Amino acid sequence: MKVITPEFLKKYPGLIIAISTKEGGVSPAPYFLNMGLSVGDEKENVLENRKRFFEYLNIPPERVVTQKQIHSDNINIVSEACFIEDSDALIANEKNLFLAISIADCIPVFLFDSNKKVIAGIHSGWKGTEYKITEKVVKRMKDEYEVNPNEIAAYIGPGISVENYEVRKEVAEKFPGSYKIENGKYFLDLKKDIYQQLINSGVKEENIEVTPYCTFRDKELFHSHRREKGATGRMFGVIGFTQ
């Protein structure tokens, strides 16, 4: 099984941040190691895929929080394993509690304060990015747990890259400075916009890692809703402290 992790992970003992790939699952093509229960894959295959992924990370499946993502700015604070309806960001302050984000092109963002052991997982597509969900999560971490943004580290994980994310002009223009025009076509850079949200929130540049991976381009590794025109699975990204 191949799992994607941030480079900075080795600096934080007891922290898990990991992104699943297509490798290591029991589902037939095009699902492979699919984590999504609503994409047409068999439920028993999905549950086995999740079991294998969490076992690989030594995470008890009964200690994982999942959510139904709806491209909103809904943020939920959780203290126990559960399924949250209509949510796109999770925050927790419990050891051995793990937050899962579903991924298939939208950008996963993982935040943590290693001193206070506060963690957050964010699903940020263009709508969530427009709503500045990442900025709002940093503010909630600050308000609820007195986290200093200067102490937050952030990982912007695998999602679709600007080169492969053509959008309508009216969508691109919602993100001044985060799109480019080539041959009359508009391409949106979600990672750039999310990075700027973190900077605007007080997160230090040296505490932000942006993955080079692209879910659309790196087709051997990742599911991509856009590349496969919807006929594909989902990855999971997960964050949590074990100590």
Protein backbone atom coordinates (compact mmCIF):
# COMPACT_ATOMS: atom_id res chain seq x y z
CA MET A 1 0.00 0.00 0.00
CA LYS A 2 1.31 3.45 -0.92
CA VAL A 3 0.43 6.32 1.39
CA ILE A 4 1.30 10.01 0.92
CA THR A 5 2.64 11.88 3.97
CA PRO A 6 4.06 15.39 4.45
CA GLU A 7 7.81 15.85 4.55
CA PHE A 8 7.62 17.66 7.88
CA LEU A 9 5.95 14.73 9.64
CA LYS A 10 9.19 13.44 11.14
CA LYS A 11 9.48 16.64 13.18
CA TYR A 12 6.28 15.85 15.10
CA PRO A 13 6.39 12.56 17.04
CA GLY A 14 2.97 11.06 17.59
CA LEU A 15 1.34 12.94 14.70
CA ILE A 16 -0.29 11.07 11.84
CA ILE A 17 -1.14 12.79 8.57
CA ALA A 18 -1.64 10.40 5.67
CA ILE A 19 -3.39 10.32 2.30
CA SER A 20 -4.48 7.04 0.74
CA THR A 21 -3.87 6.34 -2.95
CA LYS A 22 -5.43 3.87 -5.41
CA GLU A 23 -3.00 1.13 -4.34
CA GLY A 24 -3.86 -1.71 -1.98
CA GLY A 25 -7.62 -2.07 -2.26
CA VAL A 26 -10.04 -4.90 -2.96
CA SER A 27 -12.45 -3.01 -5.22
CA PRO A 28 -12.44 -3.69 -8.98
CA ALA A 29 -11.50 -0.95 -11.46
CA PRO A 30 -12.19 1.94 -11.52
CA TYR A 31 -12.46 1.95 -7.71
CA PHE A 32 -9.32 0.15 -6.46
CA LEU A 33 -8.65 1.41 -2.88
CA ASN A 34 -11.89 3.39 -2.81
CA MET A 35 -12.94 4.98 0.49
CA GLY A 36 -16.24 6.46 -0.67
CA LEU A 37 -19.60 4.86 0.11
CA SER A 38 -21.61 6.93 -2.39
CA VAL A 39 -19.76 6.41 -5.68
CA GLY A 40 -21.24 3.10 -6.88
CA ASP A 41 -18.73 0.72 -5.28
CA GLU A 42 -19.92 -2.23 -3.18
CA LYS A 43 -20.27 -1.33 0.50
CA GLU A 44 -18.39 -4.40 1.72
CA ASN A 45 -15.45 -3.52 -0.53
CA VAL A 46 -15.34 0.04 0.76
CA LEU A 47 -15.41 -1.09 4.39
CA GLU A 48 -12.58 -3.54 3.71
CA ASN A 49 -10.58 -0.82 1.96
CA ARG A 50 -11.02 1.50 4.92
CA LYS A 51 -10.05 -1.29 7.31
CA ARG A 52 -6.84 -1.96 5.38
CA PHE A 53 -5.91 1.72 5.24
CA PHE A 54 -6.45 2.31 8.94
CA GLU A 55 -4.68 -0.92 9.89
CA TYR A 56 -1.71 0.16 7.79
CA LEU A 57 -1.57 3.37 9.87
CA ASN A 58 -2.26 1.55 13.17
CA ILE A 59 -5.43 3.58 13.61
CA PRO A 60 -8.45 1.89 15.24
CA PRO A 61 -11.35 2.39 12.79
CA GLU A 62 -13.66 3.02 15.73
CA ARG A 63 -11.62 6.16 16.52
CA VAL A 64 -12.20 7.87 13.16
CA VAL A 65 -14.52 10.81 12.45
CA THR A 66 -15.99 11.07 8.94
CA GLN A 67 -18.33 13.59 7.37
CA LYS A 68 -20.74 14.12 4.49
CA GLN A 69 -19.04 16.87 2.49
CA ILE A 70 -21.30 19.41 0.78
CA HIS A 71 -18.97 22.20 -0.47
CA SER A 72 -19.89 24.54 2.36
CA ASP A 73 -18.10 26.44 5.11
CA ASN A 74 -19.68 24.29 7.83
CA ILE A 75 -17.19 23.55 10.61
CA ASN A 76 -17.76 21.01 13.38
CA ILE A 77 -15.87 20.49 16.62
CA VAL A 78 -15.83 16.83 17.62
CA SER A 79 -14.73 14.95 20.73
CA GLU A 80 -15.55 11.37 19.77
CA ALA A 81 -15.70 9.13 16.71
CA CYS A 82 -18.85 9.77 14.69
CA PHE A 83 -20.29 10.60 11.29
CA ILE A 84 -21.17 14.26 10.78
CA GLU A 85 -23.81 15.29 8.27
CA ASP A 86 -23.35 18.33 6.02
CA SER A 87 -19.83 19.33 7.04
CA ASP A 88 -16.62 20.35 5.32
CA ALA A 89 -14.25 20.86 8.25
CA LEU A 90 -13.57 19.06 11.51
CA ILE A 91 -11.67 20.26 14.59
CA ALA A 92 -10.66 18.18 17.61
CA ASN A 93 -8.52 18.33 20.73
CA GLU A 94 -8.48 14.64 21.68
CA LYS A 95 -5.54 12.26 21.40
CA ASN A 96 -6.22 9.06 19.47
CA LEU A 97 -9.10 10.66 17.62
CA PHE A 98 -8.60 10.88 13.86
CA LEU A 99 -10.30 13.18 11.38
CA ALA A 100 -10.92 11.86 7.86
CA ILE A 101 -11.37 13.99 4.74
CA SER A 102 -12.64 12.52 1.46
CA ILE A 103 -10.63 13.52 -1.62
CA ALA A 104 -11.10 13.28 -5.39
CA ASP A 105 -9.85 16.68 -6.72
CA CYS A 106 -10.87 19.21 -4.06
CA ILE A 107 -8.02 20.26 -1.79
CA PRO A 108 -7.55 18.62 1.63
CA VAL A 109 -6.01 20.91 4.25
CA PHE A 110 -4.67 19.66 7.58
CA LEU A 111 -3.83 22.00 10.46
CA PHE A 112 -2.42 21.32 13.90
CA ASP A 113 -0.88 22.88 16.97
CA SER A 114 1.60 20.35 18.35
CA ASN A 115 1.68 21.97 21.79
CA LYS A 116 -2.04 22.16 22.42
CA LYS A 117 -2.72 19.00 20.37
CA VAL A 118 -5.47 20.69 18.39
CA ILE A 119 -6.08 19.26 14.91
CA ALA A 120 -8.26 20.18 11.95
CA GLY A 121 -9.15 18.59 8.62
CA ILE A 122 -10.67 20.67 5.83
CA HIS A 123 -12.29 19.84 2.48
CA SER A 124 -11.83 22.90 0.23
CA GLY A 125 -13.19 22.85 -3.30
CA TRP A 126 -13.74 26.10 -5.15
CA LYS A 127 -16.88 26.91 -3.17
CA GLY A 128 -15.26 26.20 0.20
CA THR A 129 -12.23 28.19 -0.91
CA GLU A 130 -14.47 31.09 -1.98
CA TYR A 131 -16.13 30.93 1.46
CA LYS A 132 -12.62 31.07 3.01
CA ILE A 133 -13.23 27.94 5.01
CA THR A 134 -9.53 27.60 5.88
CA GLU A 135 -9.41 31.10 7.37
CA LYS A 136 -12.57 30.32 9.34
CA VAL A 137 -11.08 27.10 10.72
CA VAL A 138 -7.97 28.94 11.95
CA LYS A 139 -10.25 31.47 13.66
CA ARG A 140 -12.27 28.68 15.31
CA MET A 141 -9.07 27.03 16.55
CA LYS A 142 -8.05 30.39 18.00
CA ASP A 143 -11.45 31.14 19.56
CA GLU A 144 -12.19 27.68 20.96
CA TYR A 145 -8.74 26.57 22.08
CA GLU A 146 -6.70 29.79 22.28
CA VAL A 147 -4.41 28.50 19.57
CA ASN A 148 -1.87 31.05 18.36
CA PRO A 149 -1.85 30.99 14.53
CA ASN A 150 1.93 31.43 14.68
CA GLU A 151 2.07 27.97 16.27
CA ILE A 152 -0.08 26.26 13.63
CA ALA A 153 1.52 24.01 11.03
CA ALA A 154 -0.37 23.28 7.82
CA TYR A 155 -0.30 20.69 5.07
CA ILE A 156 -2.07 21.45 1.79
CA GLY A 157 -2.51 17.98 0.37
CA PRO A 158 -3.11 16.36 -3.03
CA GLY A 159 -5.83 17.92 -5.14
CA ILE A 160 -6.23 19.21 -8.67
CA SER A 161 -3.45 21.53 -9.89
CA VAL A 162 -3.92 24.85 -11.65
CA GLU A 163 -2.71 23.37 -14.97
CA ASN A 164 -5.61 20.93 -14.97
CA TYR A 165 -8.36 22.97 -13.37
CA GLU A 166 -10.13 24.91 -16.09
CA VAL A 167 -13.12 26.86 -14.79
CA ARG A 168 -15.63 29.37 -16.08
CA LYS A 169 -14.52 33.00 -16.20
CA GLU A 170 -17.07 33.99 -13.56
CA VAL A 171 -15.67 31.36 -11.19
CA ALA A 172 -12.04 32.34 -11.77
CA GLU A 173 -12.77 36.01 -11.14
CA LYS A 174 -13.94 35.17 -7.61
CA PHE A 175 -10.26 34.51 -6.82
CA PRO A 176 -8.20 37.57 -7.78
CA GLY A 177 -4.53 36.66 -8.04
CA SER A 178 -5.19 32.91 -7.94
CA TYR A 179 -6.00 32.16 -11.57
CA LYS A 180 -4.31 32.40 -14.93
CA ILE A 181 -5.53 32.76 -18.49
CA GLU A 182 -4.11 30.70 -21.34
CA ASN A 183 -5.52 30.78 -24.86
CA GLY A 184 -8.65 32.40 -23.57
CA LYS A 185 -9.20 29.68 -20.96
CA TYR A 186 -9.28 30.28 -17.20
CA PHE A 187 -7.35 28.03 -14.80
CA LEU A 188 -7.86 28.26 -11.04
CA ASP A 189 -5.09 27.67 -8.47
CA LEU A 190 -6.92 26.52 -5.35
CA LYS A 191 -3.71 25.65 -3.50
CA LYS A 192 -2.39 29.17 -4.00
CA ASP A 193 -5.57 30.73 -2.67
CA ILE A 194 -5.65 28.41 0.36
CA TYR A 195 -1.98 29.17 1.04
CA GLN A 196 -2.78 32.89 1.05
CA GLN A 197 -5.67 32.30 3.45
CA LEU A 198 -3.24 30.64 5.85
CA ILE A 199 -0.80 33.54 5.57
CA ASN A 200 -3.62 36.05 6.07
CA SER A 201 -4.63 34.13 9.20
CA GLY A 202 -1.18 34.46 10.76
CA VAL A 203 0.25 31.04 9.94
CA LYS A 204 3.98 31.33 9.27
CA GLU A 205 5.24 30.65 5.77
CA GLU A 206 7.84 28.20 7.10
CA ASN A 207 5.07 26.19 8.80
CA ILE A 208 3.16 25.51 5.58
CA GLU A 209 3.89 22.56 3.31
CA VAL A 210 2.22 22.33 -0.09
CA THR A 211 2.28 18.96 -1.81
CA PRO A 212 3.52 18.79 -5.42
CA TYR A 213 1.01 16.02 -6.22
CA CYS A 214 -1.97 16.58 -8.53
CA THR A 215 -4.92 14.20 -8.39
CA PHE A 216 -5.75 14.81 -12.06
CA ARG A 217 -2.22 14.47 -13.44
CA ASP A 218 -0.92 11.65 -11.23
CA LYS A 219 -3.42 9.11 -12.48
CA GLU A 220 -1.48 6.03 -11.35
CA LEU A 221 -1.77 7.21 -7.74
CA PHE A 222 -5.03 9.08 -7.35
CA HIS A 223 -8.72 9.07 -8.10
CA SER A 224 -9.88 12.20 -9.95
CA HIS A 225 -13.53 13.07 -10.33
CA ARG A 226 -12.79 15.43 -13.22
CA ARG A 227 -10.39 13.14 -15.08
CA GLU A 228 -12.73 10.15 -14.88
CA LYS A 229 -15.90 12.22 -15.38
CA GLY A 230 -17.32 11.00 -12.07
CA ALA A 231 -16.68 7.27 -12.55
CA THR A 232 -14.06 6.93 -9.85
CA GLY A 233 -13.43 6.36 -6.16
CA ARG A 234 -12.30 8.56 -3.30
CA MET A 235 -9.14 8.79 -1.24
CA PHE A 236 -9.08 9.49 2.48
CA GLY A 237 -6.80 11.96 4.18
CA VAL A 238 -6.50 11.56 7.93
CA ILE A 239 -4.96 13.52 10.80
CA GLY A 240 -4.57 12.76 14.49
CA PHE A 241 -2.20 12.63 17.46
CA THR A 242 -1.37 9.28 19.07
CA GLN A 243 0.52 10.90 21.96
